Amino acid sequence: MNKWKVAFFTLLALIVVSFGSLYVKATAPTNVSTELKAPTTKAPTLDVTMNRAQVNALSANYLNRFLKNSRIKYRFVVGAKYATVIGTTKVLGAKVQFAMNFVPEKTDAGNILLRAKGLSVGRLNLPLKFVLAYVKKNYDLPKWVSINQKKQTILLDLNRYSQHQSVRYTAQKLNMQAGKFVFRITIPKGDK
């Protein structure tokens, strides 16, 4: 038997097994955390209105600190129509840029739900469910961020984020067209 044929079929088998195992791991069901409700309190509140540039600056500040020692870097940018996660990752040893578009919505509990609307990974056209499952399993995400690949959503649970903070944050209004975002800051009453 020709040694080149053996090498070819061995390499082909390795590639098929690698992609098969990646597919199985990425599409396996995962636990979806439940959304925390905003605490009901009569504590003093303050509404903060932000524009796109301010939300992007806040996001960049948080992600720079959160990803400081991470090997994977990404950005979260709010544009005129979509909120977009932009970053780079390695696919088969090559650096590839990715961008995932979301439409943000305010939940009844004052959190932010990002509905996936589009994805580009280099020039590849990959299913959103597959990519969200891959990100969920392989990326370092904050505990207050949960991905549901079946519904193609990401929940930014502000109530969970502020659970152990000295102040509480909730989303009040998200208007992408006008570029106006209102968040409520609640200052719990201290012990007397």
N, C-alpha and C. Protein backbone atom coordinates (compact mmCIF):
# COMPACT_ATOMS: atom_id res chain seq x y z
N MET A 1 0.84 -1.19 0.00
CA MET A 1 0.00 0.00 0.00
C MET A 1 0.88 1.25 0.00
N ASN A 2 0.48 2.24 -0.72
CA ASN A 2 1.24 3.48 -0.87
C ASN A 2 1.26 4.25 0.46
N LYS A 3 2.45 4.67 0.90
CA LYS A 3 2.55 5.37 2.19
C LYS A 3 1.89 6.74 2.15
N TRP A 4 1.77 7.37 0.98
CA TRP A 4 1.09 8.65 0.88
C TRP A 4 -0.40 8.50 1.08
N LYS A 5 -0.96 7.40 0.59
CA LYS A 5 -2.39 7.14 0.80
C LYS A 5 -2.67 6.92 2.28
N VAL A 6 -1.78 6.16 2.94
CA VAL A 6 -1.94 5.90 4.37
C VAL A 6 -1.85 7.21 5.15
N ALA A 7 -0.89 8.06 4.81
CA ALA A 7 -0.73 9.35 5.49
C ALA A 7 -1.95 10.24 5.25
N PHE A 8 -2.46 10.25 4.02
CA PHE A 8 -3.63 11.06 3.69
C PHE A 8 -4.85 10.62 4.49
N PHE A 9 -5.12 9.31 4.48
CA PHE A 9 -6.30 8.82 5.18
C PHE A 9 -6.16 8.95 6.70
N THR A 10 -4.95 8.86 7.23
CA THR A 10 -4.72 9.08 8.65
C THR A 10 -5.00 10.53 9.00
N LEU A 11 -4.50 11.45 8.19
CA LEU A 11 -4.75 12.88 8.41
C LEU A 11 -6.24 13.20 8.28
N LEU A 12 -6.89 12.63 7.29
CA LEU A 12 -8.32 12.84 7.10
C LEU A 12 -9.11 12.33 8.31
N ALA A 13 -8.75 11.17 8.82
CA ALA A 13 -9.43 10.61 10.00
C ALA A 13 -9.22 11.51 11.22
N LEU A 14 -8.01 12.03 11.40
CA LEU A 14 -7.73 12.94 12.53
C LEU A 14 -8.58 14.21 12.44
N ILE A 15 -8.71 14.75 11.24
CA ILE A 15 -9.50 15.97 11.06
C ILE A 15 -10.97 15.69 11.35
N VAL A 16 -11.50 14.59 10.84
CA VAL A 16 -12.91 14.25 11.07
C VAL A 16 -13.17 14.02 12.55
N VAL A 17 -12.28 13.30 13.23
CA VAL A 17 -12.45 13.04 14.67
C VAL A 17 -12.37 14.34 15.46
N SER A 18 -11.45 15.24 15.09
CA SER A 18 -11.30 16.52 15.81
C SER A 18 -12.56 17.36 15.68
N PHE A 19 -13.05 17.51 14.45
CA PHE A 19 -14.26 18.31 14.26
C PHE A 19 -15.47 17.64 14.90
N GLY A 20 -15.52 16.33 14.85
CA GLY A 20 -16.63 15.61 15.49
C GLY A 20 -16.66 15.83 16.98
N SER A 21 -15.50 15.74 17.64
CA SER A 21 -15.47 15.94 19.08
C SER A 21 -15.75 17.39 19.44
N LEU A 22 -15.26 18.33 18.62
CA LEU A 22 -15.55 19.74 18.86
C LEU A 22 -17.05 20.00 18.75
N TYR A 23 -17.70 19.41 17.75
CA TYR A 23 -19.14 19.58 17.56
C TYR A 23 -19.91 19.01 18.74
N VAL A 24 -19.53 17.81 19.19
CA VAL A 24 -20.23 17.17 20.31
C VAL A 24 -20.09 18.00 21.58
N LYS A 25 -18.89 18.50 21.85
CA LYS A 25 -18.67 19.30 23.06
C LYS A 25 -19.40 20.65 22.99
N ALA A 26 -19.40 21.26 21.82
CA ALA A 26 -20.00 22.59 21.70
C ALA A 26 -21.52 22.55 21.70
N THR A 27 -22.11 21.46 21.26
CA THR A 27 -23.57 21.40 21.20
C THR A 27 -24.19 20.65 22.37
N ALA A 28 -23.38 20.21 23.31
CA ALA A 28 -23.92 19.50 24.48
C ALA A 28 -24.76 20.45 25.31
N PRO A 29 -25.87 19.96 25.91
CA PRO A 29 -26.70 20.84 26.73
C PRO A 29 -25.95 21.32 27.96
N THR A 30 -26.21 22.57 28.32
CA THR A 30 -25.56 23.14 29.50
C THR A 30 -26.63 23.77 30.38
N ASN A 31 -26.27 23.97 31.63
CA ASN A 31 -27.20 24.58 32.58
C ASN A 31 -27.35 26.06 32.27
N VAL A 32 -28.55 26.56 32.34
CA VAL A 32 -28.82 27.97 32.13
C VAL A 32 -29.24 28.55 33.47
N SER A 33 -28.50 29.56 33.92
CA SER A 33 -28.82 30.13 35.21
C SER A 33 -30.11 30.94 35.12
N THR A 34 -30.81 31.01 36.24
CA THR A 34 -32.06 31.77 36.27
C THR A 34 -31.75 33.23 36.58
N GLU A 35 -32.57 34.09 36.06
CA GLU A 35 -32.39 35.53 36.23
C GLU A 35 -32.81 35.95 37.63
N LEU A 36 -31.98 36.75 38.29
CA LEU A 36 -32.34 37.27 39.59
C LEU A 36 -33.29 38.45 39.42
N LYS A 37 -34.23 38.57 40.33
CA LYS A 37 -35.16 39.70 40.33
C LYS A 37 -34.54 40.88 41.04
N ALA A 38 -34.92 42.06 40.64
CA ALA A 38 -34.43 43.26 41.30
C ALA A 38 -35.00 43.31 42.71
N PRO A 39 -34.16 43.67 43.69
CA PRO A 39 -34.67 43.74 45.06
C PRO A 39 -35.69 44.87 45.20
N THR A 40 -36.75 44.61 45.93
CA THR A 40 -37.73 45.65 46.19
C THR A 40 -37.36 46.32 47.51
N THR A 41 -37.13 47.59 47.41
CA THR A 41 -36.70 48.34 48.58
C THR A 41 -37.13 49.79 48.43
N LYS A 42 -37.19 50.48 49.51
CA LYS A 42 -37.52 51.89 49.47
C LYS A 42 -36.25 52.73 49.64
N ALA A 43 -35.14 52.18 49.19
CA ALA A 43 -33.87 52.88 49.28
C ALA A 43 -33.82 54.00 48.23
N PRO A 44 -32.97 54.99 48.46
CA PRO A 44 -32.84 56.08 47.50
C PRO A 44 -32.34 55.56 46.15
N THR A 45 -32.90 56.12 45.07
CA THR A 45 -32.49 55.72 43.73
C THR A 45 -32.06 56.93 42.92
N LEU A 46 -31.28 56.66 41.89
CA LEU A 46 -30.79 57.70 40.99
C LEU A 46 -30.80 57.12 39.58
N ASP A 47 -31.45 57.78 38.64
CA ASP A 47 -31.44 57.33 37.25
C ASP A 47 -30.29 58.02 36.52
N VAL A 48 -29.50 57.21 35.81
CA VAL A 48 -28.36 57.73 35.05
C VAL A 48 -28.64 57.49 33.58
N THR A 49 -28.61 58.55 32.79
CA THR A 49 -28.82 58.46 31.35
C THR A 49 -27.48 58.54 30.65
N MET A 50 -27.25 57.58 29.75
CA MET A 50 -25.97 57.51 29.04
C MET A 50 -26.22 57.47 27.54
N ASN A 51 -25.22 57.95 26.78
CA ASN A 51 -25.29 57.84 25.33
C ASN A 51 -24.39 56.67 24.88
N ARG A 52 -24.33 56.41 23.58
CA ARG A 52 -23.53 55.29 23.07
C ARG A 52 -22.06 55.37 23.49
N ALA A 53 -21.48 56.54 23.34
CA ALA A 53 -20.06 56.71 23.66
C ALA A 53 -19.80 56.41 25.13
N GLN A 54 -20.68 56.82 26.01
CA GLN A 54 -20.51 56.57 27.44
C GLN A 54 -20.66 55.08 27.76
N VAL A 55 -21.65 54.41 27.13
CA VAL A 55 -21.82 52.97 27.34
C VAL A 55 -20.60 52.21 26.83
N ASN A 56 -20.07 52.61 25.68
CA ASN A 56 -18.89 51.95 25.13
C ASN A 56 -17.66 52.17 26.01
N ALA A 57 -17.51 53.37 26.56
CA ALA A 57 -16.39 53.64 27.46
C ALA A 57 -16.51 52.81 28.74
N LEU A 58 -17.72 52.71 29.28
CA LEU A 58 -17.95 51.90 30.48
C LEU A 58 -17.64 50.43 30.20
N SER A 59 -18.11 49.93 29.07
CA SER A 59 -17.85 48.55 28.67
C SER A 59 -16.35 48.29 28.50
N ALA A 60 -15.67 49.18 27.82
CA ALA A 60 -14.22 49.02 27.59
C ALA A 60 -13.46 49.02 28.91
N ASN A 61 -13.84 49.90 29.83
CA ASN A 61 -13.19 49.94 31.14
C ASN A 61 -13.36 48.63 31.88
N TYR A 62 -14.59 48.11 31.92
CA TYR A 62 -14.85 46.86 32.63
C TYR A 62 -14.09 45.70 31.99
N LEU A 63 -14.19 45.57 30.65
CA LEU A 63 -13.54 44.44 29.97
C LEU A 63 -12.02 44.51 30.04
N ASN A 64 -11.44 45.71 30.01
CA ASN A 64 -9.98 45.83 30.16
C ASN A 64 -9.52 45.28 31.50
N ARG A 65 -10.27 45.57 32.55
CA ARG A 65 -9.92 45.04 33.87
C ARG A 65 -10.21 43.55 33.96
N PHE A 66 -11.35 43.10 33.44
CA PHE A 66 -11.75 41.70 33.54
C PHE A 66 -10.84 40.79 32.71
N LEU A 67 -10.42 41.24 31.54
CA LEU A 67 -9.61 40.41 30.64
C LEU A 67 -8.12 40.68 30.74
N LYS A 68 -7.70 41.37 31.79
CA LYS A 68 -6.31 41.79 31.92
C LYS A 68 -5.32 40.64 31.73
N ASN A 69 -5.54 39.51 32.35
CA ASN A 69 -4.62 38.38 32.26
C ASN A 69 -5.15 37.26 31.37
N SER A 70 -6.17 37.54 30.59
CA SER A 70 -6.77 36.52 29.73
C SER A 70 -6.03 36.45 28.40
N ARG A 71 -5.95 35.25 27.82
CA ARG A 71 -5.29 35.11 26.51
C ARG A 71 -6.23 35.49 25.37
N ILE A 72 -7.54 35.53 25.64
CA ILE A 72 -8.52 35.90 24.63
C ILE A 72 -9.05 37.30 24.95
N LYS A 73 -8.96 38.18 23.99
CA LYS A 73 -9.43 39.55 24.17
C LYS A 73 -10.64 39.80 23.28
N TYR A 74 -11.62 40.52 23.79
CA TYR A 74 -12.77 40.90 22.99
C TYR A 74 -13.30 42.23 23.48
N ARG A 75 -14.12 42.87 22.64
CA ARG A 75 -14.72 44.17 22.96
C ARG A 75 -16.23 44.06 22.82
N PHE A 76 -16.93 44.91 23.51
CA PHE A 76 -18.38 45.02 23.40
C PHE A 76 -18.67 46.46 22.98
N VAL A 77 -19.24 46.62 21.78
CA VAL A 77 -19.46 47.95 21.22
C VAL A 77 -20.94 48.12 20.89
N VAL A 78 -21.51 49.23 21.35
CA VAL A 78 -22.90 49.55 21.04
C VAL A 78 -22.91 50.50 19.86
N GLY A 79 -23.53 50.06 18.77
CA GLY A 79 -23.63 50.87 17.56
C GLY A 79 -25.03 51.43 17.40
N ALA A 80 -25.34 51.90 16.20
CA ALA A 80 -26.64 52.51 15.92
C ALA A 80 -27.76 51.49 15.88
N LYS A 81 -27.46 50.25 15.44
CA LYS A 81 -28.50 49.25 15.31
C LYS A 81 -28.28 48.04 16.22
N TYR A 82 -27.02 47.65 16.41
CA TYR A 82 -26.69 46.45 17.16
C TYR A 82 -25.68 46.73 18.26
N ALA A 83 -25.68 45.84 19.24
CA ALA A 83 -24.58 45.74 20.20
C ALA A 83 -23.72 44.59 19.67
N THR A 84 -22.42 44.79 19.53
CA THR A 84 -21.56 43.83 18.87
C THR A 84 -20.39 43.42 19.77
N VAL A 85 -20.15 42.11 19.81
CA VAL A 85 -18.96 41.57 20.47
C VAL A 85 -17.95 41.32 19.37
N ILE A 86 -16.76 41.92 19.49
CA ILE A 86 -15.71 41.82 18.48
C ILE A 86 -14.46 41.29 19.15
N GLY A 87 -13.80 40.34 18.51
CA GLY A 87 -12.56 39.82 19.06
C GLY A 87 -11.82 38.96 18.07
N THR A 88 -10.76 38.32 18.56
CA THR A 88 -9.99 37.40 17.75
C THR A 88 -9.84 36.09 18.51
N THR A 89 -9.75 35.02 17.75
CA THR A 89 -9.54 33.69 18.33
C THR A 89 -8.69 32.89 17.36
N LYS A 90 -8.20 31.75 17.80
CA LYS A 90 -7.41 30.90 16.93
C LYS A 90 -8.26 29.75 16.44
N VAL A 91 -8.26 29.54 15.12
CA VAL A 91 -8.94 28.42 14.50
C VAL A 91 -7.90 27.69 13.67
N LEU A 92 -7.63 26.44 14.03
CA LEU A 92 -6.61 25.62 13.38
C LEU A 92 -5.26 26.34 13.32
N GLY A 93 -4.93 27.04 14.40
CA GLY A 93 -3.63 27.69 14.53
C GLY A 93 -3.55 29.07 13.93
N ALA A 94 -4.57 29.53 13.22
CA ALA A 94 -4.55 30.85 12.60
C ALA A 94 -5.46 31.80 13.38
N LYS A 95 -5.00 33.06 13.51
CA LYS A 95 -5.83 34.07 14.18
C LYS A 95 -6.96 34.48 13.25
N VAL A 96 -8.17 34.45 13.80
CA VAL A 96 -9.36 34.79 13.03
C VAL A 96 -10.17 35.82 13.81
N GLN A 97 -10.63 36.86 13.12
CA GLN A 97 -11.46 37.86 13.77
C GLN A 97 -12.92 37.42 13.72
N PHE A 98 -13.64 37.69 14.79
CA PHE A 98 -15.07 37.36 14.81
C PHE A 98 -15.85 38.58 15.27
N ALA A 99 -17.10 38.64 14.85
CA ALA A 99 -18.02 39.69 15.27
C ALA A 99 -19.40 39.07 15.39
N MET A 100 -20.06 39.32 16.52
CA MET A 100 -21.40 38.78 16.75
C MET A 100 -22.31 39.96 17.08
N ASN A 101 -23.40 40.11 16.31
CA ASN A 101 -24.35 41.21 16.51
C ASN A 101 -25.51 40.76 17.38
N PHE A 102 -25.95 41.66 18.26
CA PHE A 102 -27.07 41.39 19.17
C PHE A 102 -28.02 42.58 19.18
N VAL A 103 -29.28 42.27 19.43
CA VAL A 103 -30.28 43.32 19.69
C VAL A 103 -30.56 43.27 21.19
N PRO A 104 -30.22 44.34 21.93
CA PRO A 104 -30.45 44.33 23.37
C PRO A 104 -31.90 44.66 23.74
N GLU A 105 -32.39 43.97 24.77
CA GLU A 105 -33.73 44.22 25.30
C GLU A 105 -33.66 44.29 26.81
N LYS A 106 -34.51 45.13 27.40
CA LYS A 106 -34.62 45.20 28.86
C LYS A 106 -35.60 44.13 29.31
N THR A 107 -35.22 43.37 30.32
CA THR A 107 -36.15 42.37 30.86
C THR A 107 -37.01 43.02 31.95
N ASP A 108 -38.06 42.33 32.35
CA ASP A 108 -38.94 42.84 33.41
C ASP A 108 -38.20 43.00 34.73
N ALA A 109 -37.15 42.20 34.93
CA ALA A 109 -36.38 42.27 36.18
C ALA A 109 -35.29 43.35 36.14
N GLY A 110 -35.21 44.12 35.04
CA GLY A 110 -34.21 45.19 34.96
C GLY A 110 -32.86 44.72 34.47
N ASN A 111 -32.79 43.55 33.87
CA ASN A 111 -31.55 43.04 33.30
C ASN A 111 -31.54 43.29 31.80
N ILE A 112 -30.46 42.88 31.13
CA ILE A 112 -30.35 43.09 29.68
C ILE A 112 -30.23 41.75 28.99
N LEU A 113 -31.10 41.51 28.02
CA LEU A 113 -31.07 40.29 27.23
C LEU A 113 -30.58 40.65 25.84
N LEU A 114 -29.52 39.98 25.40
CA LEU A 114 -28.96 40.20 24.07
C LEU A 114 -29.41 39.07 23.16
N ARG A 115 -30.21 39.39 22.13
CA ARG A 115 -30.67 38.39 21.15
C ARG A 115 -29.72 38.40 19.96
N ALA A 116 -29.09 37.24 19.69
CA ALA A 116 -28.13 37.13 18.59
C ALA A 116 -28.84 37.32 17.26
N LYS A 117 -28.27 38.15 16.39
CA LYS A 117 -28.87 38.42 15.09
C LYS A 117 -27.91 38.14 13.93
N GLY A 118 -26.64 38.04 14.18
CA GLY A 118 -25.71 37.78 13.09
C GLY A 118 -24.33 37.47 13.61
N LEU A 119 -23.56 36.78 12.77
CA LEU A 119 -22.23 36.34 13.19
C LEU A 119 -21.32 36.28 11.98
N SER A 120 -20.09 36.70 12.16
CA SER A 120 -19.07 36.45 11.15
C SER A 120 -17.81 36.02 11.86
N VAL A 121 -17.24 34.92 11.37
CA VAL A 121 -15.96 34.41 11.88
C VAL A 121 -15.06 34.32 10.67
N GLY A 122 -14.21 35.35 10.52
CA GLY A 122 -13.43 35.42 9.30
C GLY A 122 -14.41 35.46 8.14
N ARG A 123 -14.29 34.50 7.23
CA ARG A 123 -15.24 34.39 6.11
C ARG A 123 -16.13 33.16 6.25
N LEU A 124 -16.07 32.52 7.42
CA LEU A 124 -16.87 31.32 7.66
C LEU A 124 -18.30 31.69 8.04
N ASN A 125 -19.22 30.86 7.64
CA ASN A 125 -20.61 31.03 8.02
C ASN A 125 -20.96 29.88 8.97
N LEU A 126 -20.89 30.13 10.27
CA LEU A 126 -21.13 29.11 11.28
C LEU A 126 -22.49 29.34 11.94
N PRO A 127 -23.15 28.26 12.37
CA PRO A 127 -24.43 28.42 13.07
C PRO A 127 -24.26 29.14 14.41
N LEU A 128 -25.19 30.06 14.71
CA LEU A 128 -25.12 30.82 15.96
C LEU A 128 -25.13 29.91 17.18
N LYS A 129 -25.97 28.87 17.18
CA LYS A 129 -26.05 27.97 18.34
C LYS A 129 -24.70 27.32 18.61
N PHE A 130 -24.02 26.91 17.57
CA PHE A 130 -22.71 26.26 17.72
C PHE A 130 -21.70 27.22 18.33
N VAL A 131 -21.66 28.44 17.80
CA VAL A 131 -20.68 29.43 18.29
C VAL A 131 -20.98 29.84 19.73
N LEU A 132 -22.26 30.08 20.05
CA LEU A 132 -22.60 30.45 21.43
C LEU A 132 -22.24 29.33 22.41
N ALA A 133 -22.47 28.07 22.02
CA ALA A 133 -22.10 26.95 22.87
C ALA A 133 -20.58 26.89 23.04
N TYR A 134 -19.85 27.15 21.98
CA TYR A 134 -18.38 27.15 22.04
C TYR A 134 -17.88 28.25 22.97
N VAL A 135 -18.44 29.45 22.82
CA VAL A 135 -18.04 30.58 23.67
C VAL A 135 -18.34 30.27 25.14
N LYS A 136 -19.51 29.70 25.40
CA LYS A 136 -19.92 29.39 26.77
C LYS A 136 -18.94 28.42 27.43
N LYS A 137 -18.48 27.43 26.69
CA LYS A 137 -17.60 26.42 27.26
C LYS A 137 -16.13 26.84 27.33
N ASN A 138 -15.70 27.71 26.41
CA ASN A 138 -14.27 27.98 26.28
C ASN A 138 -13.82 29.38 26.67
N TYR A 139 -14.74 30.32 26.81
CA TYR A 139 -14.35 31.69 27.15
C TYR A 139 -14.57 31.96 28.63
N ASP A 140 -13.72 32.81 29.16
CA ASP A 140 -13.84 33.23 30.55
C ASP A 140 -14.87 34.36 30.60
N LEU A 141 -16.06 34.05 31.09
CA LEU A 141 -17.13 35.05 31.18
C LEU A 141 -17.41 35.37 32.64
N PRO A 142 -17.83 36.59 32.92
CA PRO A 142 -18.21 36.93 34.30
C PRO A 142 -19.38 36.05 34.75
N LYS A 143 -19.51 35.83 36.05
CA LYS A 143 -20.57 34.98 36.61
C LYS A 143 -21.97 35.53 36.35
N TRP A 144 -22.07 36.83 36.13
CA TRP A 144 -23.37 37.45 35.91
C TRP A 144 -23.78 37.46 34.43
N VAL A 145 -22.97 36.83 33.57
CA VAL A 145 -23.28 36.70 32.14
C VAL A 145 -23.60 35.24 31.87
N SER A 146 -24.78 34.96 31.32
CA SER A 146 -25.14 33.57 31.00
C SER A 146 -25.59 33.48 29.55
N ILE A 147 -25.18 32.39 28.92
CA ILE A 147 -25.49 32.15 27.50
C ILE A 147 -26.49 31.01 27.39
N ASN A 148 -27.50 31.21 26.58
CA ASN A 148 -28.46 30.17 26.27
C ASN A 148 -28.38 29.94 24.76
N GLN A 149 -27.61 28.91 24.37
CA GLN A 149 -27.38 28.69 22.94
C GLN A 149 -28.65 28.24 22.22
N LYS A 150 -29.58 27.59 22.90
CA LYS A 150 -30.81 27.14 22.24
C LYS A 150 -31.67 28.33 21.84
N LYS A 151 -31.77 29.33 22.72
CA LYS A 151 -32.57 30.53 22.40
C LYS A 151 -31.74 31.59 21.70
N GLN A 152 -30.44 31.35 21.56
CA GLN A 152 -29.49 32.26 20.93
C GLN A 152 -29.50 33.63 21.63
N THR A 153 -29.38 33.58 22.96
CA THR A 153 -29.38 34.80 23.76
C THR A 153 -28.24 34.80 24.77
N ILE A 154 -27.90 35.99 25.21
CA ILE A 154 -26.97 36.18 26.31
C ILE A 154 -27.66 37.10 27.31
N LEU A 155 -27.70 36.69 28.57
CA LEU A 155 -28.33 37.50 29.62
C LEU A 155 -27.25 38.20 30.42
N LEU A 156 -27.35 39.52 30.50
CA LEU A 156 -26.48 40.32 31.38
C LEU A 156 -27.31 40.58 32.63
N ASP A 157 -27.08 39.77 33.65
CA ASP A 157 -27.89 39.81 34.87
C ASP A 157 -27.32 40.87 35.81
N LEU A 158 -27.80 42.10 35.65
CA LEU A 158 -27.31 43.22 36.47
C LEU A 158 -27.63 43.01 37.94
N ASN A 159 -28.73 42.32 38.23
CA ASN A 159 -29.08 42.05 39.62
C ASN A 159 -28.06 41.11 40.26
N ARG A 160 -27.61 40.11 39.51
CA ARG A 160 -26.58 39.20 40.02
C ARG A 160 -25.24 39.94 40.15
N TYR A 161 -24.94 40.82 39.18
CA TYR A 161 -23.70 41.61 39.23
C TYR A 161 -23.65 42.46 40.49
N SER A 162 -24.75 43.11 40.80
CA SER A 162 -24.74 44.04 41.94
C SER A 162 -25.14 43.38 43.25
N GLN A 163 -25.32 42.07 43.24
CA GLN A 163 -25.75 41.34 44.43
C GLN A 163 -24.82 41.56 45.62
N HIS A 164 -23.52 41.62 45.38
CA HIS A 164 -22.56 41.79 46.47
C HIS A 164 -21.84 43.15 46.40
N GLN A 165 -22.47 44.10 45.70
CA GLN A 165 -21.91 45.44 45.57
C GLN A 165 -22.57 46.35 46.62
N SER A 166 -21.98 47.52 46.79
CA SER A 166 -22.56 48.47 47.74
C SER A 166 -23.74 49.22 47.14
N VAL A 167 -23.89 49.18 45.81
CA VAL A 167 -25.05 49.77 45.14
C VAL A 167 -25.64 48.74 44.19
N ARG A 168 -26.89 48.94 43.79
CA ARG A 168 -27.58 48.01 42.88
C ARG A 168 -27.84 48.72 41.55
N TYR A 169 -27.73 47.96 40.45
CA TYR A 169 -27.94 48.51 39.11
C TYR A 169 -29.07 47.76 38.42
N THR A 170 -29.94 48.49 37.74
CA THR A 170 -30.98 47.88 36.90
C THR A 170 -31.14 48.73 35.64
N ALA A 171 -31.46 48.06 34.54
CA ALA A 171 -31.71 48.77 33.29
C ALA A 171 -33.15 49.26 33.30
N GLN A 172 -33.35 50.51 32.91
CA GLN A 172 -34.68 51.09 32.87
C GLN A 172 -35.15 51.31 31.44
N LYS A 173 -34.24 51.71 30.55
CA LYS A 173 -34.61 52.01 29.17
C LYS A 173 -33.41 51.78 28.26
N LEU A 174 -33.63 51.07 27.15
CA LEU A 174 -32.59 50.84 26.14
C LEU A 174 -33.16 51.27 24.78
N ASN A 175 -32.74 52.41 24.28
CA ASN A 175 -33.22 52.91 23.00
C ASN A 175 -32.05 52.99 22.04
N MET A 176 -31.90 51.94 21.20
CA MET A 176 -30.76 51.87 20.29
C MET A 176 -30.83 52.98 19.24
N GLN A 177 -32.00 53.25 18.68
CA GLN A 177 -32.11 54.25 17.62
C GLN A 177 -31.71 55.64 18.11
N ALA A 178 -32.17 56.00 19.29
CA ALA A 178 -31.86 57.32 19.84
C ALA A 178 -30.50 57.35 20.54
N GLY A 179 -29.93 56.17 20.80
CA GLY A 179 -28.66 56.12 21.52
C GLY A 179 -28.81 56.57 22.96
N LYS A 180 -29.95 56.23 23.58
CA LYS A 180 -30.22 56.65 24.96
C LYS A 180 -30.44 55.42 25.83
N PHE A 181 -29.67 55.35 26.91
CA PHE A 181 -29.70 54.19 27.81
C PHE A 181 -29.83 54.71 29.24
N VAL A 182 -30.89 54.26 29.92
CA VAL A 182 -31.14 54.73 31.29
C VAL A 182 -30.98 53.55 32.25
N PHE A 183 -30.16 53.75 33.27
CA PHE A 183 -29.93 52.75 34.30
C PHE A 183 -30.27 53.35 35.65
N ARG A 184 -30.87 52.53 36.51
CA ARG A 184 -31.22 52.98 37.86
C ARG A 184 -30.18 52.44 38.83
N ILE A 185 -29.67 53.34 39.65
CA ILE A 185 -28.73 52.98 40.71
C ILE A 185 -29.48 53.12 42.03
N THR A 186 -29.52 52.03 42.79
CA THR A 186 -30.19 52.02 44.08
C THR A 186 -29.12 51.95 45.17
N ILE A 187 -29.23 52.83 46.12
CA ILE A 187 -28.28 52.87 47.22
C ILE A 187 -28.97 52.32 48.47
N PRO A 188 -28.63 51.08 48.84
CA PRO A 188 -29.29 50.47 50.00
C PRO A 188 -29.02 51.30 51.27
N LYS A 189 -30.02 51.32 52.13
CA LYS A 189 -29.85 52.02 53.41
C LYS A 189 -28.86 51.26 54.27
N GLY A 190 -27.97 51.98 54.89
CA GLY A 190 -26.98 51.35 55.77
C GLY A 190 -27.58 50.96 57.11
N ASP A 191 -26.85 50.12 57.85
CA ASP A 191 -27.29 49.75 59.18
C ASP A 191 -27.24 50.94 60.12
N LYS A 192 -28.25 51.04 60.98
CA LYS A 192 -28.30 52.16 61.92
C LYS A 192 -27.84 51.74 63.28
